[in-house]
Amino acid sequence: MKRFLVSQMLLAFLMFGGCSHGPRVAYGHLTYSELIEQSPIVVVGLVEHKETYWKERKRQGSENGLPIFWYHVEVRIEVENMLRGDLSASPVDYTYWVPAGAKAGEWNSPREGARYVHFLRREGAELRSVVDFWPSSIRVTTGRHGTLDQAGGLPQAIARLLLQPGEDFDAERFDIIQALGHASLLVGEPAALALVQRSDPRIRTQACEVFKGRPEADRLCGE
């Protein structure tokens, strides 16, 4: 009997050892509108460092009820612009959790050295992404912006950020397809194209290539 109890205790340790029992994973896919509505803190920031702590994990059931392990990721960002909320210092660290195993589609995976709009929330003293696993950031490839025009609301401000060049804009690093895709989801394709039409010639040139042969090219390129 004693041997059986010891074996059961060992099995429990192997199953749950190293697991964190802190705040639960916030698992859910949010639309762009929901990201904006549910994020009390929205900042533009450059990712200085990202680290996944493979020895720190949570055990939380997946949607089909099976056990799944989630691993802690910590991101340090240099805050460049505050779009909503207040952060008293920079850089700041925030956390999110990702599941083990193969992944498909898009998930929360900011890259070191890249700039993003980060959608965040506070949980006690901890700063966290608004959701875990699913994307809680939007890549910015227009460079650093000293000031941002927030007229018209947050979706419009982010769309302008994505499609108007910043202080260190580099046309070779700018991703027009990605920027237009995000902006269209934020404000709709007609409004996004109107922003491109009023933007820098280098951005319009790339957009012309994307829409070559389509009616939109006439308006964007003046042909």
Protein backbone atom coordinates (compact mmCIF):
# COMPACT_ATOMS: atom_id res chain seq x y z
CA MET A 1 0.00 0.00 0.00
CA LYS A 2 2.81 2.36 0.93
CA ARG A 3 4.58 1.64 -2.38
CA PHE A 4 1.33 2.41 -4.25
CA LEU A 5 0.94 5.78 -2.48
CA VAL A 6 4.54 6.72 -3.25
CA SER A 7 4.08 5.86 -6.92
CA GLN A 8 0.90 7.96 -7.07
CA MET A 9 2.66 10.92 -5.44
CA LEU A 10 5.52 10.61 -7.96
CA LEU A 11 3.06 10.52 -10.86
CA ALA A 12 1.32 13.66 -9.58
CA PHE A 13 4.65 15.44 -9.27
CA LEU A 14 5.60 14.52 -12.84
CA MET A 15 2.24 15.74 -14.13
CA PHE A 16 2.04 19.00 -12.20
CA GLY A 17 5.61 19.74 -11.20
CA GLY A 18 6.86 23.07 -12.48
CA CYS A 19 3.31 24.31 -13.13
CA SER A 20 2.22 27.76 -12.11
CA HIS A 21 -1.15 28.21 -10.44
CA GLY A 22 -1.35 32.00 -10.79
CA PRO A 23 -3.70 33.96 -13.05
CA ARG A 24 -5.55 31.91 -15.65
CA VAL A 25 -4.71 31.96 -19.33
CA ALA A 26 -6.98 34.37 -21.22
CA TYR A 27 -7.68 32.24 -24.27
CA GLY A 28 -9.84 33.74 -26.99
CA HIS A 29 -9.57 35.15 -30.49
CA LEU A 30 -10.44 38.85 -30.64
CA THR A 31 -11.32 40.88 -33.70
CA TYR A 32 -9.61 44.23 -34.20
CA SER A 33 -12.68 46.00 -32.82
CA GLU A 34 -12.65 43.75 -29.75
CA LEU A 35 -8.90 44.27 -29.24
CA ILE A 36 -9.48 48.02 -29.12
CA GLU A 37 -12.61 47.81 -26.96
CA GLN A 38 -11.11 45.41 -24.40
CA SER A 39 -7.61 46.90 -24.05
CA PRO A 40 -7.29 49.53 -21.29
CA ILE A 41 -3.67 50.15 -22.34
CA VAL A 42 -2.56 50.59 -25.95
CA VAL A 43 1.02 51.62 -26.72
CA VAL A 44 3.45 51.75 -29.61
CA GLY A 45 6.70 50.16 -28.59
CA LEU A 46 9.91 48.63 -29.92
CA VAL A 47 10.59 45.10 -28.66
CA GLU A 48 13.95 45.15 -26.88
CA HIS A 49 13.88 41.58 -25.57
CA LYS A 50 11.63 38.52 -25.56
CA GLU A 51 12.15 35.34 -23.60
CA THR A 52 10.14 32.15 -23.24
CA TYR A 53 10.46 30.43 -19.86
CA TRP A 54 10.10 26.76 -20.76
CA LYS A 55 10.42 25.69 -17.13
CA GLU A 56 7.54 27.91 -16.07
CA ARG A 57 4.20 26.63 -17.23
CA LYS A 58 0.49 26.53 -16.45
CA ARG A 59 -1.76 23.53 -16.84
CA GLN A 60 -5.15 24.64 -18.13
CA GLY A 61 -7.74 22.75 -20.13
CA SER A 62 -8.14 23.39 -23.83
CA GLU A 63 -11.48 24.00 -25.52
CA ASN A 64 -12.07 20.25 -25.96
CA GLY A 65 -11.40 19.59 -22.29
CA LEU A 66 -7.99 17.93 -22.68
CA PRO A 67 -5.08 19.08 -20.49
CA ILE A 68 -2.70 21.49 -22.13
CA PHE A 69 0.47 23.17 -20.95
CA TRP A 70 1.01 26.91 -21.43
CA TYR A 71 4.43 28.54 -21.23
CA HIS A 72 5.31 31.98 -19.93
CA VAL A 73 6.68 34.57 -22.38
CA GLU A 74 8.03 37.92 -21.18
CA VAL A 75 8.43 40.89 -23.52
CA ARG A 76 10.37 44.09 -22.79
CA ILE A 77 9.42 47.11 -24.89
CA GLU A 78 10.63 50.67 -25.23
CA VAL A 79 7.43 52.68 -25.11
CA GLU A 80 7.35 55.29 -27.89
CA ASN A 81 3.71 56.43 -27.97
CA MET A 82 0.81 56.13 -25.54
CA LEU A 83 -2.46 55.68 -27.38
CA ARG A 84 -4.57 54.76 -24.36
CA GLY A 85 -3.99 54.42 -20.64
CA ASP A 86 -0.89 55.38 -18.72
CA LEU A 87 2.51 53.80 -18.13
CA SER A 88 4.82 55.68 -15.82
CA ALA A 89 8.12 54.30 -17.08
CA SER A 90 9.91 52.89 -20.10
CA PRO A 91 11.01 50.26 -20.87
CA VAL A 92 8.26 48.04 -19.47
CA ASP A 93 7.78 44.29 -19.33
CA TYR A 94 4.58 42.43 -20.11
CA THR A 95 3.74 38.75 -20.23
CA TYR A 96 1.62 36.34 -22.21
CA TRP A 97 1.26 32.56 -22.41
CA VAL A 98 1.58 30.23 -25.38
CA PRO A 99 0.73 26.53 -25.65
CA ALA A 100 3.26 23.84 -26.40
CA GLY A 101 3.29 21.96 -29.67
CA ALA A 102 2.80 22.86 -33.31
CA LYS A 103 0.90 26.05 -34.17
CA ALA A 104 -0.94 27.12 -37.30
CA GLY A 105 -2.08 30.53 -38.47
CA GLU A 106 -1.28 33.68 -36.53
CA TRP A 107 -0.46 33.84 -32.84
CA ASN A 108 1.12 36.24 -30.37
CA SER A 109 4.77 36.31 -31.44
CA PRO A 110 6.37 39.78 -31.43
CA ARG A 111 9.96 39.80 -32.68
CA GLU A 112 12.95 41.44 -31.05
CA GLY A 113 13.94 44.68 -32.78
CA ALA A 114 10.51 45.17 -34.34
CA ARG A 115 7.92 47.84 -33.61
CA TYR A 116 4.30 47.07 -32.74
CA VAL A 117 1.09 48.49 -31.40
CA HIS A 118 0.69 46.47 -28.18
CA PHE A 119 -2.75 45.81 -26.64
CA LEU A 120 -2.31 45.36 -22.89
CA ARG A 121 -4.10 45.06 -19.57
CA ARG A 122 -3.17 44.96 -15.91
CA GLU A 123 -3.77 41.94 -13.73
CA GLY A 124 -2.78 42.89 -10.21
CA ALA A 125 0.76 44.23 -10.38
CA GLU A 126 1.44 42.40 -13.64
CA LEU A 127 1.17 43.86 -17.13
CA ARG A 128 -0.20 41.33 -19.62
CA SER A 129 -1.24 41.14 -23.25
CA VAL A 130 -5.00 41.52 -23.54
CA VAL A 131 -5.27 37.86 -24.62
CA ASP A 132 -2.85 34.94 -24.63
CA PHE A 133 -1.78 32.99 -27.72
CA TRP A 134 -3.91 34.91 -30.25
CA PRO A 135 -2.40 38.12 -31.68
CA SER A 136 -2.37 41.05 -29.25
CA SER A 137 -0.12 43.31 -31.30
CA ILE A 138 0.03 44.88 -34.77
CA ARG A 139 3.34 45.22 -36.60
CA VAL A 140 4.40 48.78 -37.52
CA THR A 141 6.87 49.11 -40.42
CA THR A 142 6.70 52.88 -40.98
CA GLY A 143 9.38 53.71 -38.42
CA ARG A 144 9.30 55.76 -35.25
CA HIS A 145 6.67 58.49 -34.84
CA GLY A 146 7.43 61.39 -32.49
CA THR A 147 3.76 62.39 -32.26
CA LEU A 148 0.57 60.73 -33.41
CA ASP A 149 -2.64 62.32 -34.63
CA GLN A 150 -5.45 60.68 -32.65
CA ALA A 151 -8.30 62.60 -34.30
CA GLY A 152 -11.18 60.38 -35.34
CA GLY A 153 -10.62 57.70 -32.72
CA LEU A 154 -8.14 54.93 -32.00
CA PRO A 155 -8.75 52.74 -35.08
CA GLN A 156 -8.10 55.71 -37.38
CA ALA A 157 -5.00 56.71 -35.40
CA ILE A 158 -3.51 53.22 -35.70
CA ALA A 159 -4.36 53.04 -39.41
CA ARG A 160 -2.56 56.35 -40.01
CA LEU A 161 0.42 55.06 -38.04
CA LEU A 162 0.59 52.02 -40.29
CA LEU A 163 0.41 53.97 -43.55
CA GLN A 164 2.26 57.24 -42.92
CA PRO A 165 6.08 57.41 -42.74
CA GLY A 166 7.80 58.10 -39.45
CA GLU A 167 11.05 59.86 -38.63
CA ASP A 168 13.25 56.96 -39.74
CA PHE A 169 11.05 55.52 -42.47
CA ASP A 170 12.83 52.95 -44.64
CA ALA A 171 10.94 52.06 -47.83
CA GLU A 172 12.81 48.75 -48.14
CA ARG A 173 11.59 47.63 -44.73
CA PHE A 174 8.04 48.87 -45.20
CA ASP A 175 5.49 46.09 -45.77
CA ILE A 176 2.62 47.58 -47.78
CA ILE A 177 0.61 44.34 -47.94
CA GLN A 178 0.75 43.82 -44.19
CA ALA A 179 0.07 47.50 -43.43
CA LEU A 180 -2.88 47.72 -45.82
CA GLY A 181 -4.32 44.47 -44.47
CA HIS A 182 -4.23 45.68 -40.87
CA ALA A 183 -5.51 49.15 -41.76
CA SER A 184 -8.38 47.71 -43.80
CA LEU A 185 -9.46 45.56 -40.85
CA LEU A 186 -9.32 48.62 -38.60
CA VAL A 187 -11.14 51.21 -40.72
CA GLY A 188 -12.28 49.41 -43.89
CA GLU A 189 -10.53 49.18 -47.26
CA PRO A 190 -11.90 52.45 -48.75
CA ALA A 191 -10.67 54.47 -45.77
CA ALA A 192 -7.31 52.67 -45.81
CA LEU A 193 -6.85 53.41 -49.51
CA ALA A 194 -7.73 57.06 -48.89
CA LEU A 195 -4.91 57.19 -46.32
CA VAL A 196 -2.51 55.71 -48.87
CA GLN A 197 -3.61 58.25 -51.47
CA ARG A 198 -2.68 61.10 -49.10
CA SER A 199 0.53 59.46 -47.92
CA ASP A 200 4.18 59.55 -48.97
CA PRO A 201 4.94 58.87 -52.68
CA ARG A 202 7.12 55.91 -51.69
CA ILE A 203 4.14 54.30 -49.98
CA ARG A 204 1.81 55.09 -52.87
CA THR A 205 4.29 53.52 -55.30
CA GLN A 206 4.26 50.24 -53.40
CA ALA A 207 0.47 50.32 -53.19
CA CYS A 208 0.28 50.86 -56.95
CA GLU A 209 2.23 47.65 -57.48
CA VAL A 210 -0.13 45.75 -55.20
CA PHE A 211 -3.23 47.02 -57.02
CA LYS A 212 -1.76 46.98 -60.51
CA GLY A 213 -4.46 46.13 -63.05
CA ARG A 214 -7.29 46.84 -60.60
CA PRO A 215 -9.57 49.92 -60.56
CA GLU A 216 -8.01 51.06 -57.26
CA ALA A 217 -4.71 51.71 -59.06
CA ASP A 218 -6.25 54.54 -61.11
CA ARG A 219 -7.11 56.47 -57.97
CA LEU A 220 -3.86 55.69 -56.14
CA CYS A 221 -1.47 56.24 -59.02
CA GLY A 222 -3.23 58.98 -60.94
CA GLU A 223 -3.31 56.94 -64.12
